[in-house]
Amino acid sequence: MDDFERELREAMERQPAPPNLKRRVMEQRSWRRPQSHAFAWQRLAASVAIAAVLGGALAWHRAEQRRKGEAARQQVLTALRITNHALNEMNARLASHDRNDQE
């Protein structure tokens, strides 16, 4: 366990940075700067494209739901017309039957 603690202490000791570290980091930052603008524009364009696709999909979904709702409404109205017609015929038969019974 003492070896492990010693190795851990050595690994955690503060060590001075290499003398050219700052220069290398600054060179990498300046080298990446033109790409970062292009990359930002690409991300913006991709975001706009994704938003447009999602907006179009949402609009299509709503239109499809509206179409299905209208079709269901038409089916209900047709069923009500058929039922109304059948009830009218039944009422006419009953009225005719009642008239025949009274005579």
N, C-alpha and C. Protein backbone atom coordinates (compact mmCIF):
# COMPACT_ATOMS: atom_id res chain seq x y z
N MET A 1 0.82 -1.19 0.00
CA MET A 1 0.00 0.00 0.00
C MET A 1 0.86 1.25 0.00
N ASP A 2 2.04 1.16 0.65
CA ASP A 2 2.93 2.32 0.69
C ASP A 2 3.44 2.67 -0.69
N ASP A 3 3.70 1.65 -1.52
CA ASP A 3 4.16 1.91 -2.89
C ASP A 3 3.08 2.64 -3.67
N PHE A 4 1.83 2.21 -3.48
CA PHE A 4 0.73 2.84 -4.19
C PHE A 4 0.58 4.30 -3.78
N GLU A 5 0.65 4.56 -2.50
CA GLU A 5 0.54 5.93 -2.00
C GLU A 5 1.69 6.79 -2.52
N ARG A 6 2.90 6.23 -2.56
CA ARG A 6 4.05 6.97 -3.06
C ARG A 6 3.88 7.30 -4.54
N GLU A 7 3.43 6.32 -5.32
CA GLU A 7 3.20 6.55 -6.75
C GLU A 7 2.11 7.60 -6.97
N LEU A 8 1.08 7.52 -6.16
CA LEU A 8 -0.01 8.49 -6.26
C LEU A 8 0.48 9.89 -5.92
N ARG A 9 1.27 10.03 -4.86
CA ARG A 9 1.82 11.33 -4.49
C ARG A 9 2.71 11.89 -5.60
N GLU A 10 3.54 11.03 -6.19
CA GLU A 10 4.42 11.48 -7.27
C GLU A 10 3.60 11.93 -8.49
N ALA A 11 2.53 11.20 -8.78
CA ALA A 11 1.70 11.56 -9.93
C ALA A 11 0.96 12.87 -9.69
N MET A 12 0.63 13.16 -8.44
CA MET A 12 -0.13 14.35 -8.13
C MET A 12 0.74 15.58 -7.85
N GLU A 13 2.07 15.40 -7.80
CA GLU A 13 2.94 16.54 -7.53
C GLU A 13 2.88 17.54 -8.68
N ARG A 14 2.95 18.80 -8.30
CA ARG A 14 2.93 19.87 -9.30
C ARG A 14 4.24 19.86 -10.06
N GLN A 15 4.12 19.92 -11.38
CA GLN A 15 5.30 19.94 -12.23
C GLN A 15 5.25 21.19 -13.08
N PRO A 16 6.37 21.82 -13.31
CA PRO A 16 6.34 23.04 -14.14
C PRO A 16 5.99 22.70 -15.59
N ALA A 17 5.28 23.63 -16.23
CA ALA A 17 4.90 23.42 -17.62
C ALA A 17 6.13 23.55 -18.52
N PRO A 18 6.11 22.86 -19.65
CA PRO A 18 7.24 23.00 -20.58
C PRO A 18 7.34 24.46 -21.04
N PRO A 19 8.56 24.93 -21.33
CA PRO A 19 8.73 26.34 -21.67
C PRO A 19 7.98 26.76 -22.94
N ASN A 20 7.78 25.90 -23.89
CA ASN A 20 7.14 26.30 -25.15
C ASN A 20 5.65 25.96 -25.19
N LEU A 21 5.04 25.60 -24.06
CA LEU A 21 3.64 25.21 -24.03
C LEU A 21 2.72 26.36 -24.45
N LYS A 22 2.96 27.55 -23.92
CA LYS A 22 2.10 28.70 -24.24
C LYS A 22 2.14 29.00 -25.73
N ARG A 23 3.34 28.96 -26.31
CA ARG A 23 3.48 29.25 -27.74
C ARG A 23 2.74 28.21 -28.58
N ARG A 24 2.86 26.93 -28.21
CA ARG A 24 2.17 25.88 -28.97
C ARG A 24 0.65 26.01 -28.87
N VAL A 25 0.16 26.33 -27.69
CA VAL A 25 -1.29 26.50 -27.52
C VAL A 25 -1.78 27.68 -28.35
N MET A 26 -1.06 28.79 -28.32
CA MET A 26 -1.47 29.97 -29.09
C MET A 26 -1.41 29.70 -30.59
N GLU A 27 -0.43 28.93 -31.04
CA GLU A 27 -0.35 28.59 -32.46
C GLU A 27 -1.55 27.72 -32.87
N GLN A 28 -1.91 26.80 -32.04
CA GLN A 28 -3.05 25.94 -32.35
C GLN A 28 -4.34 26.74 -32.39
N ARG A 29 -4.48 27.68 -31.46
CA ARG A 29 -5.69 28.52 -31.45
C ARG A 29 -5.77 29.39 -32.68
N SER A 30 -4.68 30.01 -33.04
CA SER A 30 -4.71 30.89 -34.22
C SER A 30 -4.87 30.07 -35.49
N TRP A 31 -4.37 28.87 -35.52
CA TRP A 31 -4.51 28.02 -36.70
C TRP A 31 -5.96 27.57 -36.86
N ARG A 32 -6.67 27.34 -35.76
CA ARG A 32 -8.05 26.86 -35.81
C ARG A 32 -9.06 27.98 -36.01
N ARG A 33 -8.69 29.19 -35.79
CA ARG A 33 -9.65 30.29 -35.83
C ARG A 33 -10.40 30.38 -37.16
N PRO A 34 -9.76 30.34 -38.32
CA PRO A 34 -10.54 30.42 -39.56
C PRO A 34 -11.51 29.24 -39.71
N GLN A 35 -11.13 28.09 -39.26
CA GLN A 35 -12.01 26.94 -39.36
C GLN A 35 -13.20 27.08 -38.43
N SER A 36 -12.98 27.70 -37.27
CA SER A 36 -14.08 27.80 -36.32
C SER A 36 -15.21 28.66 -36.88
N HIS A 37 -14.88 29.70 -37.67
CA HIS A 37 -15.94 30.51 -38.27
C HIS A 37 -16.70 29.69 -39.32
N ALA A 38 -15.97 28.96 -40.12
CA ALA A 38 -16.62 28.13 -41.13
C ALA A 38 -17.46 27.05 -40.45
N PHE A 39 -16.93 26.50 -39.40
CA PHE A 39 -17.66 25.46 -38.68
C PHE A 39 -18.92 26.04 -38.04
N ALA A 40 -18.82 27.25 -37.52
CA ALA A 40 -19.99 27.90 -36.91
C ALA A 40 -21.06 28.14 -37.98
N TRP A 41 -20.66 28.57 -39.15
CA TRP A 41 -21.64 28.80 -40.23
C TRP A 41 -22.27 27.48 -40.67
N GLN A 42 -21.46 26.43 -40.71
CA GLN A 42 -22.00 25.12 -41.07
C GLN A 42 -23.00 24.63 -40.04
N ARG A 43 -22.68 24.84 -38.76
CA ARG A 43 -23.62 24.44 -37.71
C ARG A 43 -24.90 25.25 -37.79
N LEU A 44 -24.77 26.55 -38.07
CA LEU A 44 -25.95 27.40 -38.21
C LEU A 44 -26.81 26.93 -39.39
N ALA A 45 -26.18 26.66 -40.52
CA ALA A 45 -26.92 26.20 -41.69
C ALA A 45 -27.59 24.85 -41.41
N ALA A 46 -26.89 23.96 -40.73
CA ALA A 46 -27.48 22.67 -40.39
C ALA A 46 -28.66 22.84 -39.44
N SER A 47 -28.53 23.76 -38.49
CA SER A 47 -29.63 24.01 -37.56
C SER A 47 -30.85 24.55 -38.29
N VAL A 48 -30.63 25.47 -39.22
CA VAL A 48 -31.74 26.02 -39.99
C VAL A 48 -32.40 24.93 -40.83
N ALA A 49 -31.58 24.09 -41.44
CA ALA A 49 -32.13 23.00 -42.26
C ALA A 49 -32.94 22.02 -41.40
N ILE A 50 -32.42 21.68 -40.24
CA ILE A 50 -33.15 20.76 -39.35
C ILE A 50 -34.46 21.39 -38.89
N ALA A 51 -34.40 22.69 -38.55
CA ALA A 51 -35.63 23.38 -38.12
C ALA A 51 -36.66 23.40 -39.25
N ALA A 52 -36.20 23.62 -40.48
CA ALA A 52 -37.12 23.64 -41.62
C ALA A 52 -37.74 22.26 -41.84
N VAL A 53 -36.94 21.23 -41.74
CA VAL A 53 -37.45 19.86 -41.92
C VAL A 53 -38.46 19.52 -40.83
N LEU A 54 -38.13 19.86 -39.58
CA LEU A 54 -39.05 19.56 -38.48
C LEU A 54 -40.33 20.38 -38.60
N GLY A 55 -40.20 21.65 -39.02
CA GLY A 55 -41.39 22.47 -39.23
C GLY A 55 -42.27 21.92 -40.33
N GLY A 56 -41.66 21.49 -41.41
CA GLY A 56 -42.42 20.89 -42.51
C GLY A 56 -43.10 19.60 -42.09
N ALA A 57 -42.39 18.80 -41.32
CA ALA A 57 -42.98 17.54 -40.84
C ALA A 57 -44.16 17.82 -39.91
N LEU A 58 -44.02 18.82 -39.06
CA LEU A 58 -45.12 19.17 -38.16
C LEU A 58 -46.33 19.68 -38.95
N ALA A 59 -46.08 20.53 -39.94
CA ALA A 59 -47.19 21.05 -40.76
C ALA A 59 -47.86 19.91 -41.52
N TRP A 60 -47.07 18.99 -42.07
CA TRP A 60 -47.65 17.84 -42.79
C TRP A 60 -48.49 16.99 -41.84
N HIS A 61 -47.97 16.76 -40.62
CA HIS A 61 -48.69 15.95 -39.65
C HIS A 61 -50.03 16.60 -39.29
N ARG A 62 -50.01 17.90 -39.08
CA ARG A 62 -51.26 18.60 -38.75
C ARG A 62 -52.25 18.53 -39.91
N ALA A 63 -51.77 18.71 -41.13
CA ALA A 63 -52.66 18.64 -42.29
C ALA A 63 -53.24 17.23 -42.44
N GLU A 64 -52.42 16.23 -42.18
CA GLU A 64 -52.88 14.84 -42.26
C GLU A 64 -53.94 14.56 -41.19
N GLN A 65 -53.71 15.06 -39.97
CA GLN A 65 -54.69 14.89 -38.91
C GLN A 65 -56.00 15.61 -39.26
N ARG A 66 -55.89 16.79 -39.84
CA ARG A 66 -57.08 17.54 -40.24
C ARG A 66 -57.86 16.78 -41.31
N ARG A 67 -57.13 16.19 -42.27
CA ARG A 67 -57.78 15.42 -43.34
C ARG A 67 -58.49 14.20 -42.76
N LYS A 68 -57.82 13.49 -41.84
CA LYS A 68 -58.44 12.32 -41.23
C LYS A 68 -59.65 12.72 -40.40
N GLY A 69 -59.57 13.84 -39.72
CA GLY A 69 -60.71 14.32 -38.93
C GLY A 69 -61.89 14.66 -39.81
N GLU A 70 -61.62 15.29 -40.94
CA GLU A 70 -62.70 15.63 -41.87
C GLU A 70 -63.33 14.36 -42.46
N ALA A 71 -62.50 13.36 -42.77
CA ALA A 71 -63.05 12.10 -43.29
C ALA A 71 -63.92 11.42 -42.24
N ALA A 72 -63.48 11.43 -40.98
CA ALA A 72 -64.28 10.83 -39.91
C ALA A 72 -65.59 11.60 -39.74
N ARG A 73 -65.53 12.92 -39.84
CA ARG A 73 -66.74 13.73 -39.73
C ARG A 73 -67.74 13.37 -40.84
N GLN A 74 -67.24 13.21 -42.04
CA GLN A 74 -68.11 12.84 -43.16
C GLN A 74 -68.74 11.47 -42.93
N GLN A 75 -67.97 10.54 -42.39
CA GLN A 75 -68.51 9.21 -42.11
C GLN A 75 -69.60 9.27 -41.06
N VAL A 76 -69.41 10.08 -40.03
CA VAL A 76 -70.43 10.22 -38.99
C VAL A 76 -71.69 10.84 -39.58
N LEU A 77 -71.52 11.88 -40.39
CA LEU A 77 -72.69 12.51 -41.00
C LEU A 77 -73.44 11.54 -41.91
N THR A 78 -72.72 10.72 -42.66
CA THR A 78 -73.36 9.71 -43.51
C THR A 78 -74.12 8.70 -42.66
N ALA A 79 -73.50 8.26 -41.57
CA ALA A 79 -74.17 7.30 -40.68
C ALA A 79 -75.43 7.92 -40.08
N LEU A 80 -75.36 9.20 -39.72
CA LEU A 80 -76.55 9.87 -39.17
C LEU A 80 -77.65 10.00 -40.20
N ARG A 81 -77.29 10.29 -41.45
CA ARG A 81 -78.30 10.37 -42.51
C ARG A 81 -78.98 9.02 -42.72
N ILE A 82 -78.18 7.96 -42.74
CA ILE A 82 -78.74 6.61 -42.92
C ILE A 82 -79.67 6.27 -41.77
N THR A 83 -79.21 6.56 -40.54
CA THR A 83 -80.03 6.29 -39.37
C THR A 83 -81.32 7.10 -39.40
N ASN A 84 -81.23 8.36 -39.77
CA ASN A 84 -82.41 9.22 -39.86
C ASN A 84 -83.40 8.68 -40.88
N HIS A 85 -82.87 8.25 -42.02
CA HIS A 85 -83.73 7.69 -43.06
C HIS A 85 -84.43 6.42 -42.55
N ALA A 86 -83.66 5.55 -41.87
CA ALA A 86 -84.24 4.31 -41.36
C ALA A 86 -85.30 4.61 -40.30
N LEU A 87 -85.04 5.58 -39.45
CA LEU A 87 -86.03 5.94 -38.43
C LEU A 87 -87.28 6.53 -39.05
N ASN A 88 -87.12 7.34 -40.07
CA ASN A 88 -88.28 7.90 -40.76
C ASN A 88 -89.13 6.80 -41.39
N GLU A 89 -88.47 5.83 -42.01
CA GLU A 89 -89.21 4.71 -42.60
C GLU A 89 -89.94 3.91 -41.53
N MET A 90 -89.26 3.68 -40.40
CA MET A 90 -89.89 2.92 -39.32
C MET A 90 -91.08 3.69 -38.75
N ASN A 91 -90.93 5.00 -38.57
CA ASN A 91 -92.06 5.81 -38.08
C ASN A 91 -93.22 5.77 -39.07
N ALA A 92 -92.93 5.81 -40.36
CA ALA A 92 -93.99 5.74 -41.37
C ALA A 92 -94.68 4.40 -41.30
N ARG A 93 -93.96 3.31 -41.14
CA ARG A 93 -94.56 1.97 -41.03
C ARG A 93 -95.44 1.87 -39.79
N LEU A 94 -94.90 2.40 -38.67
CA LEU A 94 -95.68 2.36 -37.43
C LEU A 94 -96.96 3.19 -37.55
N ALA A 95 -96.85 4.35 -38.18
CA ALA A 95 -98.03 5.19 -38.36
C ALA A 95 -99.03 4.48 -39.26
N SER A 96 -98.57 3.82 -40.30
CA SER A 96 -99.44 3.09 -41.20
C SER A 96 -100.09 1.92 -40.47
N HIS A 97 -99.30 1.25 -39.67
CA HIS A 97 -99.82 0.12 -38.89
C HIS A 97 -100.88 0.59 -37.89
N ASP A 98 -100.64 1.71 -37.22
CA ASP A 98 -101.59 2.26 -36.27
C ASP A 98 -102.89 2.65 -36.97
N ARG A 99 -102.78 3.22 -38.18
CA ARG A 99 -103.98 3.61 -38.95
C ARG A 99 -104.78 2.37 -39.33
N ASN A 100 -104.09 1.32 -39.73
CA ASN A 100 -104.78 0.09 -40.11
C ASN A 100 -105.46 -0.55 -38.90
N ASP A 101 -104.86 -0.46 -37.73
CA ASP A 101 -105.45 -1.03 -36.53
C ASP A 101 -106.69 -0.25 -36.10
N GLN A 102 -106.70 1.05 -36.31
CA GLN A 102 -107.81 1.89 -35.90
C GLN A 102 -109.00 1.69 -36.83
N GLU A 103 -108.83 1.29 -38.02
CA GLU A 103 -109.94 1.14 -38.98
C GLU A 103 -110.61 -0.15 -38.84
